[in-house]
Amino acid sequence: MALGLILGIGRAFRRKRTSSLDILSSKRAPRDYYKGKNCKPTGFHTRKGGYVLMQEKLPNYVVPDLTDFKLKPYVSQCTREVKANEATEAAQSDTAK
């Protein structure tokens, strides 16, 4: 009897609350909670309702020079069917060179 009571109390402490397992949304959070879309802010809001963009917060993409690059950047949507034996023959001829 006493052992079962002790084990039951231990299990109760180990259980997680069901509310902690729910997905946090703006309906389950405090009134001023705004979850957002996991994006970085690119500026700030002004007092009069405007928005000021900051250059240092904008994303800066560095693209290498791809002149004389043999591969194409995109895969064609209209691909032709290649049978397995043709692919192995092409691979064998490339390795023989």
N, C-alpha and C. Protein backbone atom coordinates (compact mmCIF):
# COMPACT_ATOMS: atom_id res chain seq x y z
N MET A 1 0.82 -1.20 0.00
CA MET A 1 0.00 0.00 0.00
C MET A 1 0.86 1.26 0.00
N ALA A 2 1.80 1.32 0.91
CA ALA A 2 2.65 2.51 1.01
C ALA A 2 3.56 2.64 -0.21
N LEU A 3 4.03 1.49 -0.73
CA LEU A 3 4.91 1.53 -1.90
C LEU A 3 4.17 2.05 -3.12
N GLY A 4 2.91 1.60 -3.29
CA GLY A 4 2.11 2.08 -4.42
C GLY A 4 1.84 3.57 -4.33
N LEU A 5 1.62 4.09 -3.15
CA LEU A 5 1.38 5.51 -2.96
C LEU A 5 2.62 6.32 -3.31
N ILE A 6 3.77 5.83 -2.90
CA ILE A 6 5.03 6.53 -3.20
C ILE A 6 5.30 6.51 -4.70
N LEU A 7 5.08 5.37 -5.35
CA LEU A 7 5.29 5.30 -6.80
C LEU A 7 4.31 6.20 -7.55
N GLY A 8 3.08 6.29 -7.10
CA GLY A 8 2.09 7.15 -7.74
C GLY A 8 2.45 8.62 -7.65
N ILE A 9 2.97 9.03 -6.51
CA ILE A 9 3.39 10.42 -6.34
C ILE A 9 4.58 10.72 -7.25
N GLY A 10 5.51 9.77 -7.36
CA GLY A 10 6.67 9.96 -8.24
C GLY A 10 6.26 10.11 -9.69
N ARG A 11 5.28 9.31 -10.14
CA ARG A 11 4.81 9.41 -11.52
C ARG A 11 4.11 10.74 -11.78
N ALA A 12 3.40 11.24 -10.79
CA ALA A 12 2.69 12.51 -10.96
C ALA A 12 3.67 13.65 -11.16
N PHE A 13 4.80 13.61 -10.48
CA PHE A 13 5.80 14.67 -10.65
C PHE A 13 6.52 14.58 -11.98
N ARG A 14 6.63 13.37 -12.53
CA ARG A 14 7.34 13.20 -13.80
C ARG A 14 6.48 13.55 -15.01
N ARG A 15 5.17 13.56 -14.87
CA ARG A 15 4.28 13.85 -15.99
C ARG A 15 4.41 15.30 -16.41
N LYS A 16 4.37 15.51 -17.71
CA LYS A 16 4.35 16.87 -18.22
C LYS A 16 2.91 17.34 -18.30
N ARG A 17 2.73 18.63 -18.13
CA ARG A 17 1.38 19.17 -18.29
C ARG A 17 1.00 19.15 -19.75
N THR A 18 -0.24 18.92 -20.06
CA THR A 18 -0.67 18.85 -21.45
C THR A 18 -0.61 20.21 -22.11
N SER A 19 -0.74 21.29 -21.34
CA SER A 19 -0.69 22.62 -21.95
C SER A 19 0.71 22.95 -22.46
N SER A 20 1.75 22.36 -21.88
CA SER A 20 3.09 22.65 -22.35
C SER A 20 3.40 21.94 -23.66
N LEU A 21 2.60 20.94 -24.02
CA LEU A 21 2.84 20.22 -25.26
C LEU A 21 2.11 20.82 -26.44
N ASP A 22 1.17 21.75 -26.20
CA ASP A 22 0.43 22.37 -27.29
C ASP A 22 1.32 23.36 -28.04
N ILE A 23 0.95 23.62 -29.29
CA ILE A 23 1.68 24.59 -30.09
C ILE A 23 1.31 25.99 -29.61
N LEU A 24 2.32 26.81 -29.39
CA LEU A 24 2.07 28.16 -28.90
C LEU A 24 1.61 29.04 -30.05
N SER A 25 0.44 29.60 -29.93
CA SER A 25 -0.09 30.50 -30.94
C SER A 25 -0.51 31.79 -30.24
N SER A 26 -0.91 32.76 -31.02
CA SER A 26 -1.32 34.04 -30.44
C SER A 26 -2.62 33.91 -29.64
N LYS A 27 -3.39 32.84 -29.89
CA LYS A 27 -4.63 32.64 -29.13
C LYS A 27 -4.37 32.03 -27.76
N ARG A 28 -3.26 31.32 -27.60
CA ARG A 28 -2.94 30.67 -26.32
C ARG A 28 -1.92 31.48 -25.51
N ALA A 29 -1.48 32.58 -26.02
CA ALA A 29 -0.42 33.37 -25.36
C ALA A 29 -1.02 34.65 -24.77
N PRO A 30 -0.20 35.46 -24.11
CA PRO A 30 -0.69 36.74 -23.59
C PRO A 30 -1.23 37.64 -24.70
N ARG A 31 -1.94 38.69 -24.30
CA ARG A 31 -2.64 39.54 -25.25
C ARG A 31 -1.71 40.23 -26.24
N ASP A 32 -0.51 40.62 -25.82
CA ASP A 32 0.39 41.37 -26.70
C ASP A 32 1.41 40.47 -27.40
N TYR A 33 1.20 39.16 -27.38
CA TYR A 33 2.15 38.23 -28.00
C TYR A 33 1.92 38.20 -29.50
N TYR A 34 3.01 38.32 -30.29
CA TYR A 34 2.96 38.22 -31.74
C TYR A 34 4.05 37.25 -32.18
N LYS A 35 3.65 36.12 -32.70
CA LYS A 35 4.61 35.08 -33.01
C LYS A 35 5.44 35.41 -34.24
N GLY A 36 4.84 35.99 -35.25
CA GLY A 36 5.57 36.33 -36.46
C GLY A 36 5.77 35.12 -37.36
N LYS A 37 6.55 35.29 -38.39
CA LYS A 37 6.80 34.22 -39.38
C LYS A 37 8.27 33.82 -39.42
N ASN A 38 8.99 33.98 -38.33
CA ASN A 38 10.39 33.59 -38.21
C ASN A 38 11.27 34.36 -39.20
N CYS A 39 10.99 35.64 -39.38
CA CYS A 39 11.77 36.49 -40.27
C CYS A 39 12.51 37.53 -39.43
N LYS A 40 13.65 37.94 -39.93
CA LYS A 40 14.42 38.97 -39.25
C LYS A 40 13.85 40.34 -39.61
N PRO A 41 13.78 41.27 -38.67
CA PRO A 41 13.29 42.61 -39.01
C PRO A 41 14.32 43.36 -39.85
N THR A 42 13.85 44.13 -40.83
CA THR A 42 14.76 44.88 -41.70
C THR A 42 14.77 46.35 -41.37
N GLY A 43 14.12 46.75 -40.30
CA GLY A 43 14.07 48.16 -39.92
C GLY A 43 13.32 48.32 -38.62
N PHE A 44 12.65 49.49 -38.48
CA PHE A 44 11.89 49.73 -37.25
C PHE A 44 10.69 50.61 -37.58
N HIS A 45 9.70 50.58 -36.70
CA HIS A 45 8.49 51.37 -36.85
C HIS A 45 8.70 52.74 -36.20
N THR A 46 8.15 53.77 -36.84
CA THR A 46 8.23 55.11 -36.27
C THR A 46 7.00 55.37 -35.41
N ARG A 47 7.00 56.49 -34.70
CA ARG A 47 5.87 56.83 -33.83
C ARG A 47 4.60 57.13 -34.63
N LYS A 48 4.77 57.63 -35.85
CA LYS A 48 3.62 58.04 -36.66
C LYS A 48 3.13 56.94 -37.60
N GLY A 49 3.59 55.71 -37.39
CA GLY A 49 3.08 54.60 -38.19
C GLY A 49 3.89 54.26 -39.42
N GLY A 50 5.01 54.94 -39.63
CA GLY A 50 5.85 54.62 -40.78
C GLY A 50 6.82 53.48 -40.47
N TYR A 51 7.60 53.12 -41.46
CA TYR A 51 8.60 52.06 -41.29
C TYR A 51 9.87 52.51 -41.97
N VAL A 52 10.98 52.44 -41.26
CA VAL A 52 12.27 52.88 -41.79
C VAL A 52 13.14 51.65 -42.03
N LEU A 53 13.57 51.47 -43.29
CA LEU A 53 14.47 50.37 -43.63
C LEU A 53 15.89 50.75 -43.27
N MET A 54 16.64 49.79 -42.74
CA MET A 54 18.04 50.02 -42.40
C MET A 54 18.89 49.15 -43.32
N GLN A 55 19.86 49.76 -44.02
CA GLN A 55 20.69 49.04 -44.98
C GLN A 55 21.48 47.91 -44.33
N GLU A 56 21.95 48.12 -43.11
CA GLU A 56 22.76 47.08 -42.47
C GLU A 56 21.94 45.87 -42.05
N LYS A 57 20.60 46.00 -42.02
CA LYS A 57 19.74 44.86 -41.67
C LYS A 57 19.21 44.14 -42.90
N LEU A 58 19.38 44.68 -44.09
CA LEU A 58 18.91 44.03 -45.31
C LEU A 58 19.84 42.88 -45.67
N PRO A 59 19.31 41.79 -46.23
CA PRO A 59 20.18 40.67 -46.61
C PRO A 59 21.07 41.05 -47.79
N ASN A 60 22.32 40.61 -47.72
CA ASN A 60 23.30 40.90 -48.77
C ASN A 60 23.78 39.56 -49.33
N TYR A 61 23.41 39.26 -50.57
CA TYR A 61 23.76 37.99 -51.18
C TYR A 61 25.02 38.17 -52.02
N VAL A 62 26.01 37.33 -51.77
CA VAL A 62 27.26 37.36 -52.52
C VAL A 62 27.21 36.22 -53.51
N VAL A 63 27.18 36.56 -54.81
CA VAL A 63 27.07 35.55 -55.86
C VAL A 63 28.40 35.48 -56.60
N PRO A 64 28.99 34.31 -56.74
CA PRO A 64 30.27 34.20 -57.45
C PRO A 64 30.08 34.40 -58.94
N ASP A 65 31.16 34.74 -59.63
CA ASP A 65 31.14 34.91 -61.08
C ASP A 65 31.08 33.53 -61.73
N LEU A 66 30.05 33.28 -62.52
CA LEU A 66 29.84 31.96 -63.11
C LEU A 66 30.12 31.92 -64.61
N THR A 67 30.93 32.84 -65.10
CA THR A 67 31.32 32.76 -66.51
C THR A 67 32.27 31.58 -66.68
N ASP A 68 32.19 30.91 -67.81
CA ASP A 68 32.98 29.71 -68.12
C ASP A 68 32.68 28.55 -67.17
N PHE A 69 31.49 28.52 -66.61
CA PHE A 69 31.09 27.42 -65.73
C PHE A 69 30.30 26.43 -66.57
N LYS A 70 30.65 25.16 -66.51
CA LYS A 70 30.07 24.17 -67.42
C LYS A 70 28.64 23.78 -67.07
N LEU A 71 28.31 23.74 -65.79
CA LEU A 71 26.97 23.29 -65.41
C LEU A 71 25.95 24.41 -65.53
N LYS A 72 24.70 24.05 -65.80
CA LYS A 72 23.63 25.02 -65.87
C LYS A 72 23.04 25.21 -64.48
N PRO A 73 22.51 26.40 -64.18
CA PRO A 73 22.02 26.63 -62.82
C PRO A 73 20.72 25.92 -62.48
N TYR A 74 19.92 25.57 -63.47
CA TYR A 74 18.62 24.96 -63.19
C TYR A 74 18.48 23.65 -63.94
N VAL A 75 17.66 22.78 -63.43
CA VAL A 75 17.36 21.50 -64.08
C VAL A 75 16.10 21.70 -64.91
N SER A 76 16.11 21.21 -66.12
CA SER A 76 14.98 21.35 -67.01
C SER A 76 13.78 20.56 -66.49
N GLN A 77 12.59 21.11 -66.67
CA GLN A 77 11.39 20.39 -66.26
C GLN A 77 11.00 19.34 -67.29
N CYS A 78 11.52 19.48 -68.50
CA CYS A 78 11.20 18.54 -69.57
C CYS A 78 12.38 17.57 -69.73
N THR A 79 12.54 16.68 -68.79
CA THR A 79 13.64 15.72 -68.88
C THR A 79 13.23 14.54 -69.71
N ARG A 80 14.20 13.93 -70.35
CA ARG A 80 13.90 12.74 -71.15
C ARG A 80 14.16 11.52 -70.30
N GLU A 81 13.46 10.43 -70.63
CA GLU A 81 13.62 9.19 -69.86
C GLU A 81 14.93 8.53 -70.25
N VAL A 82 15.66 8.09 -69.26
CA VAL A 82 16.91 7.38 -69.49
C VAL A 82 16.77 6.00 -68.86
N LYS A 83 17.00 4.99 -69.67
CA LYS A 83 16.91 3.62 -69.15
C LYS A 83 18.17 3.31 -68.36
N ALA A 84 18.08 2.33 -67.49
CA ALA A 84 19.19 2.01 -66.59
C ALA A 84 20.42 1.54 -67.37
N ASN A 85 20.24 0.77 -68.43
CA ASN A 85 21.41 0.28 -69.16
C ASN A 85 22.10 1.41 -69.93
N GLU A 86 21.34 2.41 -70.40
CA GLU A 86 21.96 3.55 -71.08
C GLU A 86 22.79 4.38 -70.09
N ALA A 87 22.28 4.53 -68.87
CA ALA A 87 23.00 5.31 -67.87
C ALA A 87 24.30 4.62 -67.47
N THR A 88 24.28 3.30 -67.34
CA THR A 88 25.51 2.60 -66.97
C THR A 88 26.51 2.62 -68.11
N GLU A 89 26.03 2.52 -69.36
CA GLU A 89 26.94 2.61 -70.50
C GLU A 89 27.59 3.98 -70.58
N ALA A 90 26.81 5.03 -70.32
CA ALA A 90 27.37 6.38 -70.36
C ALA A 90 28.38 6.57 -69.24
N ALA A 91 28.11 6.03 -68.08
CA ALA A 91 29.04 6.15 -66.94
C ALA A 91 30.32 5.38 -67.22
N GLN A 92 30.21 4.22 -67.84
CA GLN A 92 31.40 3.42 -68.15
C GLN A 92 32.24 4.11 -69.21
N SER A 93 31.61 4.75 -70.19
CA SER A 93 32.38 5.42 -71.23
C SER A 93 33.07 6.67 -70.66
N ASP A 94 32.44 7.32 -69.65
CA ASP A 94 33.09 8.48 -69.03
C ASP A 94 34.29 8.08 -68.19
N THR A 95 34.21 6.93 -67.53
CA THR A 95 35.34 6.48 -66.71
C THR A 95 36.47 5.94 -67.56
N ALA A 96 36.16 5.46 -68.77
CA ALA A 96 37.21 4.92 -69.65
C ALA A 96 38.05 6.04 -70.24
N LYS A 97 37.52 7.24 -70.33
CA LYS A 97 38.24 8.37 -70.95
C LYS A 97 39.30 8.88 -70.09
